[in-house]
N, C-alpha and C. Protein backbone atom coordinates (compact mmCIF):
# COMPACT_ATOMS: atom_id res chain seq x y z
N UNK A 1 90.80 327.17 32.70
CA UNK A 1 92.12 326.57 32.58
C UNK A 1 93.15 327.72 32.25
N UNK A 2 92.69 328.64 31.40
CA UNK A 2 93.62 329.75 31.05
C UNK A 2 94.02 330.54 32.32
N UNK A 3 93.04 330.72 33.19
CA UNK A 3 93.26 331.49 34.45
C UNK A 3 94.42 330.78 35.22
N UNK A 4 94.37 329.47 35.38
CA UNK A 4 95.42 328.73 36.11
C UNK A 4 96.76 328.93 35.46
N UNK A 5 96.79 328.89 34.12
CA UNK A 5 98.01 329.11 33.44
C UNK A 5 98.55 330.49 33.68
N UNK A 6 97.66 331.43 33.63
CA UNK A 6 98.12 332.84 33.86
C UNK A 6 98.65 333.06 35.22
N UNK A 7 97.98 332.44 36.21
CA UNK A 7 98.51 332.56 37.65
C UNK A 7 99.88 331.86 37.70
N UNK A 8 100.06 330.72 37.12
CA UNK A 8 101.31 329.97 37.12
C UNK A 8 102.44 330.86 36.50
N UNK A 9 102.15 331.41 35.38
CA UNK A 9 103.10 332.21 34.66
C UNK A 9 103.51 333.45 35.57
N UNK A 10 102.49 334.11 36.18
CA UNK A 10 102.75 335.24 37.07
C UNK A 10 103.57 334.83 38.28
N UNK A 11 103.34 333.62 38.75
CA UNK A 11 104.15 333.11 39.91
C UNK A 11 105.57 332.89 39.51
N UNK A 12 105.73 332.30 38.35
CA UNK A 12 107.12 332.01 37.87
C UNK A 12 107.89 333.31 37.57
N UNK A 13 107.15 334.30 37.06
CA UNK A 13 107.77 335.66 36.91
C UNK A 13 108.22 336.30 38.17
N UNK A 14 107.29 336.29 39.13
CA UNK A 14 107.66 336.85 40.45
C UNK A 14 108.88 336.13 41.10
N UNK A 15 108.81 334.82 41.10
CA UNK A 15 109.98 334.11 41.62
C UNK A 15 111.25 334.44 40.84
N UNK A 16 111.22 334.51 39.53
CA UNK A 16 112.28 334.84 38.73
C UNK A 16 112.83 336.21 39.02
N UNK A 17 112.02 337.22 39.21
CA UNK A 17 112.41 338.60 39.49
C UNK A 17 113.01 338.62 40.88
N UNK A 18 112.47 337.89 41.82
CA UNK A 18 113.06 337.85 43.20
C UNK A 18 114.42 337.20 43.18
N UNK A 19 114.59 336.13 42.43
CA UNK A 19 115.91 335.47 42.31
C UNK A 19 116.94 336.38 41.63
N UNK A 20 116.46 337.10 40.59
CA UNK A 20 117.37 338.07 39.88
C UNK A 20 117.78 339.17 40.84
N UNK A 21 116.82 339.70 41.61
CA UNK A 21 117.17 340.79 42.56
C UNK A 21 118.21 340.25 43.61
N UNK A 22 117.94 339.01 44.09
CA UNK A 22 118.87 338.46 45.08
C UNK A 22 120.25 338.23 44.54
N UNK A 23 120.37 337.80 43.29
CA UNK A 23 121.58 337.58 42.58
C UNK A 23 122.25 338.95 42.37
N UNK A 24 121.58 339.95 42.06
CA UNK A 24 122.12 341.30 41.88
C UNK A 24 122.74 341.76 43.15
N UNK A 25 122.04 341.57 44.28
CA UNK A 25 122.55 342.01 45.63
C UNK A 25 123.88 341.32 45.92
N UNK A 26 123.97 340.03 45.68
CA UNK A 26 125.15 339.23 45.99
C UNK A 26 126.29 339.71 44.99
N UNK A 27 125.94 339.94 43.81
CA UNK A 27 126.95 340.46 42.72
C UNK A 27 127.50 341.79 43.20
N UNK A 28 126.61 342.66 43.64
CA UNK A 28 127.10 344.01 44.05
C UNK A 28 127.89 344.00 45.33
N UNK A 29 127.33 343.30 46.32
CA UNK A 29 128.02 343.38 47.68
C UNK A 29 128.90 342.19 48.00
N UNK A 30 128.78 341.05 47.29
CA UNK A 30 129.56 339.88 47.55
C UNK A 30 128.84 339.02 48.61
N UNK A 31 129.26 337.80 48.66
CA UNK A 31 128.47 336.79 49.51
C UNK A 31 128.66 337.21 51.04
N UNK A 32 129.82 337.47 51.50
CA UNK A 32 130.01 337.76 52.89
C UNK A 32 129.31 339.06 53.38
N UNK A 33 129.33 340.12 52.57
CA UNK A 33 128.70 341.32 52.94
C UNK A 33 127.20 341.18 52.80
N UNK A 34 126.69 340.33 51.88
CA UNK A 34 125.23 340.11 51.82
C UNK A 34 124.76 339.34 53.02
N UNK A 35 125.57 338.39 53.43
CA UNK A 35 125.16 337.66 54.71
C UNK A 35 125.18 338.57 55.91
N UNK A 36 126.12 339.55 55.97
CA UNK A 36 126.15 340.51 57.08
C UNK A 36 124.97 341.38 57.02
N UNK A 37 124.54 341.77 55.89
CA UNK A 37 123.32 342.61 55.75
C UNK A 37 122.10 341.88 56.19
N UNK A 38 122.07 340.59 55.99
CA UNK A 38 120.81 339.74 56.29
C UNK A 38 120.89 339.46 57.82
N UNK A 39 122.05 338.96 58.28
CA UNK A 39 122.13 338.38 59.64
C UNK A 39 122.92 339.06 60.63
N UNK A 40 123.53 340.23 60.30
CA UNK A 40 124.40 340.89 61.27
C UNK A 40 125.91 340.40 61.18
N UNK A 41 126.63 340.81 62.10
CA UNK A 41 128.05 340.48 62.12
C UNK A 41 128.26 339.03 62.21
N UNK A 42 129.30 338.46 61.63
CA UNK A 42 129.55 337.07 61.53
C UNK A 42 129.88 336.47 62.91
N UNK A 43 130.61 337.19 63.75
CA UNK A 43 130.94 336.73 65.07
C UNK A 43 129.75 336.84 66.02
N UNK A 44 129.36 335.76 66.63
CA UNK A 44 128.26 335.67 67.51
C UNK A 44 128.60 336.15 68.89
N UNK A 45 129.83 336.42 69.09
CA UNK A 45 130.26 336.93 70.47
C UNK A 45 130.75 335.92 71.41
N UNK A 46 131.25 336.37 72.56
CA UNK A 46 131.81 335.48 73.55
C UNK A 46 130.79 334.67 74.35
N UNK A 47 131.24 333.54 74.87
CA UNK A 47 130.47 332.71 75.74
C UNK A 47 131.30 332.38 76.89
N UNK A 48 130.64 331.97 77.94
CA UNK A 48 131.34 331.38 79.18
C UNK A 48 131.05 329.88 79.21
N UNK A 49 132.07 329.09 79.18
CA UNK A 49 131.90 327.64 79.29
C UNK A 49 131.35 327.23 80.62
N UNK A 50 131.38 328.02 81.66
CA UNK A 50 130.80 327.75 82.89
C UNK A 50 129.29 327.76 82.90
N UNK A 51 128.74 328.57 81.98
CA UNK A 51 127.29 328.79 81.93
C UNK A 51 126.65 328.41 80.55
N UNK A 52 127.45 328.08 79.53
CA UNK A 52 126.91 327.76 78.26
C UNK A 52 125.88 326.71 78.26
N UNK A 53 124.82 326.99 77.55
CA UNK A 53 123.78 325.99 77.28
C UNK A 53 123.68 325.83 75.75
N UNK A 54 123.58 324.61 75.32
CA UNK A 54 123.37 324.44 73.90
C UNK A 54 122.04 324.96 73.55
N UNK A 55 121.97 325.39 72.29
CA UNK A 55 120.69 326.11 71.85
C UNK A 55 119.70 325.14 71.47
N UNK A 56 118.44 325.70 71.34
CA UNK A 56 117.29 324.74 71.05
C UNK A 56 117.40 324.38 69.57
N UNK A 57 118.19 325.12 68.76
CA UNK A 57 118.31 324.73 67.40
C UNK A 57 119.43 323.69 67.38
N UNK A 58 119.36 322.86 66.31
CA UNK A 58 120.34 321.77 66.13
C UNK A 58 121.46 322.23 65.20
N UNK A 59 122.12 323.40 65.62
CA UNK A 59 123.18 323.91 64.75
C UNK A 59 124.34 324.32 65.59
N UNK A 60 124.64 323.56 66.62
CA UNK A 60 125.78 323.88 67.45
C UNK A 60 126.39 322.54 67.86
N UNK A 61 127.63 322.62 68.43
CA UNK A 61 128.30 321.44 68.96
C UNK A 61 129.20 321.90 70.20
N UNK A 62 129.29 321.09 71.22
CA UNK A 62 130.03 321.46 72.41
C UNK A 62 130.99 320.29 72.81
N UNK A 63 132.22 320.62 73.01
CA UNK A 63 133.20 319.63 73.55
C UNK A 63 133.75 320.26 74.83
N UNK A 64 133.69 319.54 75.92
CA UNK A 64 134.09 320.05 77.15
C UNK A 64 134.86 319.00 78.03
N UNK A 65 135.78 319.47 78.83
CA UNK A 65 136.37 318.50 79.80
C UNK A 65 135.31 317.99 80.69
N UNK A 66 135.49 316.89 81.32
CA UNK A 66 134.58 316.30 82.23
C UNK A 66 134.25 317.29 83.34
N UNK A 67 133.04 317.51 83.63
CA UNK A 67 132.55 318.43 84.75
C UNK A 67 132.97 319.80 84.65
N UNK A 68 133.27 320.37 83.52
CA UNK A 68 133.65 321.78 83.33
C UNK A 68 132.56 322.65 82.84
N UNK A 69 131.69 322.16 82.06
CA UNK A 69 130.60 322.95 81.36
C UNK A 69 129.26 322.76 82.02
N UNK A 70 128.42 323.85 82.08
CA UNK A 70 127.08 323.74 82.60
C UNK A 70 126.22 322.75 81.83
N UNK A 71 126.37 322.66 80.53
CA UNK A 71 125.64 321.89 79.60
C UNK A 71 126.32 320.51 79.34
N UNK A 72 125.51 319.57 79.08
CA UNK A 72 126.09 318.24 78.63
C UNK A 72 126.82 318.53 77.29
N UNK A 73 128.00 317.97 77.13
CA UNK A 73 128.70 318.16 75.93
C UNK A 73 128.45 316.99 74.98
N UNK A 74 128.71 317.26 73.63
CA UNK A 74 128.61 316.28 72.59
C UNK A 74 129.68 315.29 72.72
N UNK A 75 130.82 315.72 73.27
CA UNK A 75 132.00 314.82 73.41
C UNK A 75 132.82 315.40 74.60
N UNK A 76 133.38 314.44 75.33
CA UNK A 76 134.28 314.96 76.45
C UNK A 76 135.68 315.12 75.86
N UNK A 77 136.19 316.30 76.16
CA UNK A 77 137.59 316.67 75.69
C UNK A 77 138.67 315.76 76.27
N UNK A 78 139.62 315.42 75.41
CA UNK A 78 140.70 314.65 75.79
C UNK A 78 141.63 315.44 76.80
N UNK A 79 142.47 314.73 77.51
CA UNK A 79 143.47 315.39 78.36
C UNK A 79 144.81 315.11 77.70
N UNK A 80 145.49 316.13 77.40
CA UNK A 80 146.76 316.07 76.63
C UNK A 80 147.93 316.07 77.59
N UNK A 81 148.96 315.26 77.26
CA UNK A 81 150.18 315.21 78.17
C UNK A 81 151.16 316.27 77.87
N UNK A 82 150.66 317.50 77.72
CA UNK A 82 151.51 318.66 77.37
C UNK A 82 151.01 319.93 78.20
N UNK A 83 151.93 320.83 78.50
CA UNK A 83 151.49 322.02 79.23
C UNK A 83 150.57 322.83 78.35
N UNK A 84 149.74 323.72 79.00
CA UNK A 84 148.72 324.48 78.30
C UNK A 84 149.22 325.32 77.19
N UNK A 85 150.47 325.91 77.33
CA UNK A 85 150.99 326.68 76.28
C UNK A 85 151.34 325.91 75.02
N UNK A 86 151.76 324.71 75.23
CA UNK A 86 152.07 323.81 74.04
C UNK A 86 150.79 323.47 73.37
N UNK A 87 149.73 323.19 74.14
CA UNK A 87 148.45 322.85 73.56
C UNK A 87 147.96 323.98 72.82
N UNK A 88 148.03 325.19 73.29
CA UNK A 88 147.55 326.38 72.63
C UNK A 88 148.38 326.59 71.31
N UNK A 89 149.63 326.39 71.38
CA UNK A 89 150.52 326.56 70.22
C UNK A 89 150.08 325.60 69.14
N UNK A 90 149.91 324.28 69.51
CA UNK A 90 149.53 323.24 68.59
C UNK A 90 148.13 323.56 67.93
N UNK A 91 147.22 324.06 68.76
CA UNK A 91 145.88 324.41 68.29
C UNK A 91 146.01 325.50 67.31
N UNK A 92 146.80 326.51 67.53
CA UNK A 92 147.02 327.57 66.61
C UNK A 92 147.57 327.15 65.27
N UNK A 93 148.41 326.20 65.26
CA UNK A 93 149.03 325.64 64.01
C UNK A 93 147.87 324.86 63.27
N UNK A 94 147.07 324.17 63.96
CA UNK A 94 145.96 323.48 63.26
C UNK A 94 145.08 324.44 62.61
N UNK A 95 144.61 325.52 63.36
CA UNK A 95 143.75 326.50 62.90
C UNK A 95 144.37 327.32 61.74
N UNK A 96 145.64 327.52 61.78
CA UNK A 96 146.35 328.20 60.68
C UNK A 96 146.27 327.52 59.31
N UNK A 97 146.08 326.19 59.34
CA UNK A 97 146.01 325.40 58.15
C UNK A 97 144.52 325.23 57.63
N UNK A 98 143.63 325.70 58.41
CA UNK A 98 142.15 325.63 58.07
C UNK A 98 141.84 326.70 57.05
N UNK A 99 140.81 326.41 56.18
CA UNK A 99 140.42 327.44 55.19
C UNK A 99 139.34 328.32 55.77
N UNK A 100 139.34 329.57 55.37
CA UNK A 100 138.28 330.54 55.66
C UNK A 100 138.04 330.68 57.19
N UNK A 101 139.13 330.70 57.98
CA UNK A 101 139.08 330.87 59.41
C UNK A 101 139.72 332.31 59.78
N UNK A 102 139.07 333.04 60.59
CA UNK A 102 139.66 334.32 61.10
C UNK A 102 139.59 334.27 62.59
N UNK A 103 140.70 334.69 63.22
CA UNK A 103 140.69 334.94 64.68
C UNK A 103 140.01 336.23 64.88
N UNK A 104 139.01 336.26 65.78
CA UNK A 104 138.26 337.50 66.07
C UNK A 104 138.40 337.99 67.45
N UNK A 105 138.94 337.14 68.40
CA UNK A 105 139.19 337.60 69.74
C UNK A 105 140.14 336.68 70.40
N UNK A 106 140.96 337.20 71.24
CA UNK A 106 141.85 336.37 72.04
C UNK A 106 141.98 336.97 73.40
N UNK A 107 142.11 336.18 74.46
CA UNK A 107 142.30 336.63 75.86
C UNK A 107 143.41 335.72 76.41
N UNK A 108 144.53 336.34 76.57
CA UNK A 108 145.70 335.60 77.09
C UNK A 108 145.64 335.26 78.62
N UNK A 109 144.75 336.05 79.33
CA UNK A 109 144.67 335.85 80.78
C UNK A 109 143.82 334.58 81.08
N UNK A 110 142.86 334.26 80.22
CA UNK A 110 141.90 333.15 80.51
C UNK A 110 142.52 331.81 80.40
N UNK A 111 143.24 331.31 79.40
CA UNK A 111 143.35 331.71 78.03
C UNK A 111 142.25 331.20 77.15
N UNK A 112 141.84 332.05 76.23
CA UNK A 112 140.70 331.72 75.29
C UNK A 112 140.84 332.43 74.04
N UNK A 113 140.23 331.85 72.96
CA UNK A 113 140.18 332.45 71.63
C UNK A 113 138.80 332.31 71.04
N UNK A 114 138.54 333.14 70.05
CA UNK A 114 137.27 332.93 69.24
C UNK A 114 137.61 333.17 67.76
N UNK A 115 136.98 332.29 66.99
CA UNK A 115 137.22 332.29 65.55
C UNK A 115 135.92 332.32 64.84
N UNK A 116 135.91 332.79 63.53
CA UNK A 116 134.79 332.62 62.65
C UNK A 116 135.27 331.84 61.45
N UNK A 117 134.62 330.74 61.13
CA UNK A 117 134.95 329.97 59.96
C UNK A 117 133.73 330.07 59.05
N UNK A 118 134.03 330.28 57.77
CA UNK A 118 132.92 330.39 56.76
C UNK A 118 132.88 329.04 55.94
N UNK A 119 131.64 328.73 55.58
CA UNK A 119 131.51 327.54 54.69
C UNK A 119 132.07 327.82 53.38
N UNK A 120 132.51 326.75 52.72
CA UNK A 120 133.20 326.81 51.47
C UNK A 120 132.42 327.50 50.33
N UNK A 121 131.24 327.06 50.05
CA UNK A 121 130.50 327.60 48.90
C UNK A 121 129.73 328.84 49.21
N UNK A 122 128.88 328.89 50.24
CA UNK A 122 127.95 330.03 50.54
C UNK A 122 128.55 330.98 51.46
N UNK A 123 129.70 330.64 52.15
CA UNK A 123 130.32 331.56 53.13
C UNK A 123 129.50 331.84 54.36
N UNK A 124 128.67 330.83 54.78
CA UNK A 124 127.88 330.97 55.97
C UNK A 124 128.92 330.95 57.13
N UNK A 125 128.73 331.98 58.13
CA UNK A 125 129.71 332.05 59.23
C UNK A 125 129.31 331.15 60.39
N UNK A 126 130.27 330.49 61.01
CA UNK A 126 130.10 329.79 62.29
C UNK A 126 131.17 330.39 63.24
N UNK A 127 130.72 330.58 64.45
CA UNK A 127 131.59 331.11 65.50
C UNK A 127 132.01 329.96 66.37
N UNK A 128 133.34 329.91 66.61
CA UNK A 128 134.02 328.76 67.38
C UNK A 128 134.69 329.42 68.53
N UNK A 129 134.32 329.09 69.77
CA UNK A 129 135.02 329.54 70.93
C UNK A 129 135.90 328.37 71.48
N UNK A 130 137.07 328.74 72.00
CA UNK A 130 137.96 327.72 72.54
C UNK A 130 138.51 328.26 73.86
N UNK A 131 138.52 327.45 74.84
CA UNK A 131 139.14 327.79 76.16
C UNK A 131 140.18 326.71 76.45
N UNK A 132 141.33 327.10 76.92
CA UNK A 132 142.46 326.20 77.27
C UNK A 132 142.49 326.12 78.84
N UNK A 133 142.63 324.89 79.39
CA UNK A 133 142.75 324.65 80.76
C UNK A 133 144.05 323.97 81.15
N UNK A 134 144.75 324.55 82.10
CA UNK A 134 146.03 323.87 82.60
C UNK A 134 145.55 322.81 83.65
N UNK A 135 146.19 321.77 83.70
CA UNK A 135 145.92 320.59 84.61
C UNK A 135 147.21 320.36 85.37
N UNK A 136 147.07 319.63 86.51
CA UNK A 136 148.22 319.25 87.31
C UNK A 136 149.16 318.35 86.42
N UNK A 137 150.38 318.27 86.95
CA UNK A 137 151.43 317.38 86.21
C UNK A 137 151.70 317.79 84.79
N UNK A 138 151.63 319.03 84.48
CA UNK A 138 152.02 319.50 83.13
C UNK A 138 151.09 319.04 82.04
N UNK A 139 149.86 318.75 82.35
CA UNK A 139 148.91 318.35 81.36
C UNK A 139 147.92 319.51 81.05
N UNK A 140 147.17 319.33 79.98
CA UNK A 140 146.17 320.41 79.62
C UNK A 140 144.98 319.81 78.90
N UNK A 141 143.94 320.56 78.84
CA UNK A 141 142.73 320.15 78.01
C UNK A 141 142.09 321.48 77.42
N UNK A 142 141.03 321.33 76.80
CA UNK A 142 140.38 322.48 76.24
C UNK A 142 138.91 322.29 76.12
N UNK A 143 138.08 323.34 75.91
CA UNK A 143 136.72 323.28 75.63
C UNK A 143 136.53 324.02 74.31
N UNK A 144 135.55 323.53 73.51
CA UNK A 144 135.19 324.03 72.24
C UNK A 144 133.78 324.19 72.04
N UNK A 145 133.30 325.31 71.59
CA UNK A 145 131.86 325.47 71.28
C UNK A 145 131.76 326.15 69.87
N UNK A 146 131.09 325.36 68.96
CA UNK A 146 130.88 325.87 67.54
C UNK A 146 129.42 326.06 67.27
N UNK A 147 129.06 327.25 66.80
CA UNK A 147 127.69 327.52 66.53
C UNK A 147 127.48 328.26 65.22
N UNK A 148 126.36 327.93 64.53
CA UNK A 148 126.02 328.54 63.28
C UNK A 148 125.23 329.77 63.44
N UNK A 149 125.42 330.73 62.62
CA UNK A 149 124.55 331.97 62.68
C UNK A 149 123.30 331.73 61.92
N UNK A 150 123.29 330.95 60.84
CA UNK A 150 122.14 330.79 60.03
C UNK A 150 121.63 329.36 60.07
N UNK A 151 120.25 329.20 59.96
CA UNK A 151 119.69 327.87 59.93
C UNK A 151 119.35 327.24 61.23
N UNK A 152 118.35 326.33 61.16
CA UNK A 152 117.92 325.68 62.36
C UNK A 152 118.73 324.35 62.56
N UNK A 153 119.21 323.78 61.49
CA UNK A 153 119.92 322.53 61.53
C UNK A 153 121.19 322.66 60.68
N UNK A 154 122.27 322.15 61.19
CA UNK A 154 123.55 322.20 60.45
C UNK A 154 123.92 320.86 59.90
N UNK A 155 123.13 319.79 60.08
CA UNK A 155 123.33 318.50 59.67
C UNK A 155 124.65 317.94 60.14
N UNK A 156 125.02 318.36 61.32
CA UNK A 156 126.21 317.85 61.97
C UNK A 156 127.56 318.55 61.64
N UNK A 157 127.47 319.60 60.92
CA UNK A 157 128.61 320.26 60.37
C UNK A 157 129.53 320.85 61.57
N UNK A 158 129.00 321.40 62.57
CA UNK A 158 129.72 321.91 63.72
C UNK A 158 130.36 320.77 64.49
N UNK A 159 129.68 319.69 64.67
CA UNK A 159 130.18 318.48 65.44
C UNK A 159 131.35 317.91 64.58
N UNK A 160 131.18 317.78 63.29
CA UNK A 160 132.28 317.23 62.51
C UNK A 160 133.47 318.17 62.51
N UNK A 161 133.28 319.47 62.52
CA UNK A 161 134.35 320.41 62.49
C UNK A 161 135.14 320.20 63.82
N UNK A 162 134.49 320.15 64.96
CA UNK A 162 135.22 320.02 66.24
C UNK A 162 135.92 318.64 66.26
N UNK A 163 135.32 317.60 65.78
CA UNK A 163 136.01 316.26 65.76
C UNK A 163 137.18 316.33 64.85
N UNK A 164 137.11 316.99 63.68
CA UNK A 164 138.25 317.11 62.75
C UNK A 164 139.38 317.89 63.40
N UNK A 165 139.01 319.02 64.02
CA UNK A 165 140.03 319.84 64.73
C UNK A 165 140.76 319.03 65.82
N UNK A 166 139.96 318.29 66.65
CA UNK A 166 140.57 317.48 67.66
C UNK A 166 141.52 316.44 67.08
N UNK A 167 141.12 315.82 65.98
CA UNK A 167 142.00 314.75 65.34
C UNK A 167 143.23 315.44 64.90
N UNK A 168 143.15 316.57 64.24
CA UNK A 168 144.31 317.32 63.71
C UNK A 168 145.20 317.76 64.83
N UNK A 169 144.60 318.21 65.92
CA UNK A 169 145.29 318.61 67.12
C UNK A 169 146.20 317.49 67.68
N UNK A 170 145.58 316.31 67.79
CA UNK A 170 146.27 315.09 68.20
C UNK A 170 147.57 314.84 67.36
N UNK A 171 147.32 314.95 66.00
CA UNK A 171 148.50 314.73 65.08
C UNK A 171 149.53 315.79 65.28
N UNK A 172 149.07 317.05 65.39
CA UNK A 172 150.08 318.19 65.57
C UNK A 172 150.84 318.00 66.85
N UNK A 173 150.23 317.63 67.87
CA UNK A 173 150.95 317.32 69.11
C UNK A 173 152.03 316.22 69.02
N UNK A 174 151.68 315.21 68.31
CA UNK A 174 152.59 314.09 68.04
C UNK A 174 153.82 314.62 67.26
N UNK A 175 153.53 315.40 66.22
CA UNK A 175 154.64 316.00 65.45
C UNK A 175 155.51 316.95 66.36
N UNK A 176 154.93 317.79 67.15
CA UNK A 176 155.67 318.62 68.04
C UNK A 176 156.52 317.93 68.99
N UNK A 177 155.96 316.85 69.58
CA UNK A 177 156.72 316.00 70.57
C UNK A 177 157.87 315.34 69.84
N UNK A 178 157.65 314.84 68.63
CA UNK A 178 158.80 314.16 67.84
C UNK A 178 159.81 315.17 67.50
N UNK A 179 159.50 316.42 67.11
CA UNK A 179 160.50 317.51 66.78
C UNK A 179 161.27 317.84 68.04
N UNK A 180 160.65 317.78 69.25
CA UNK A 180 161.29 318.21 70.52
C UNK A 180 162.37 317.27 70.85
N UNK A 181 162.31 315.97 70.32
CA UNK A 181 163.24 314.92 70.79
C UNK A 181 164.54 315.10 70.07
């Protein structure tokens, strides 16, 4: 019986030392730098919506216009009754009000943008790609792909983010149209 108690105490000590070492690394380097040391750069890089395939892990979400993406999307992107530049401007305003978001790349020719948003508590990074599409008759739409760097499952966080952003985008466009009158 004493041997089992000794093994238990040793195990608790080992776990305690490991947790203390991990806490020391976080204190010295900070949360974001510690995550970079563990998993690499926060930005997962560019994607092409023409060829994107959702990952085998359940930690991404895809919103695409009908028949635009190679992979089935989680949601079909709305068509907005505004030109592509107005859509991009409204989207920028929405992102500007989000917490812990950084623009990491922009391509005005495509037009496309890529962002990293970090989770509130642990600062886990997610990469979000957006592509804007001009449509006939002064309308526009967009494609969004959000993916997590860490974990196998995000419990729907990426999907909820994209839905929240689309909802806020709808409201921002309504405000912009009212201001234009």
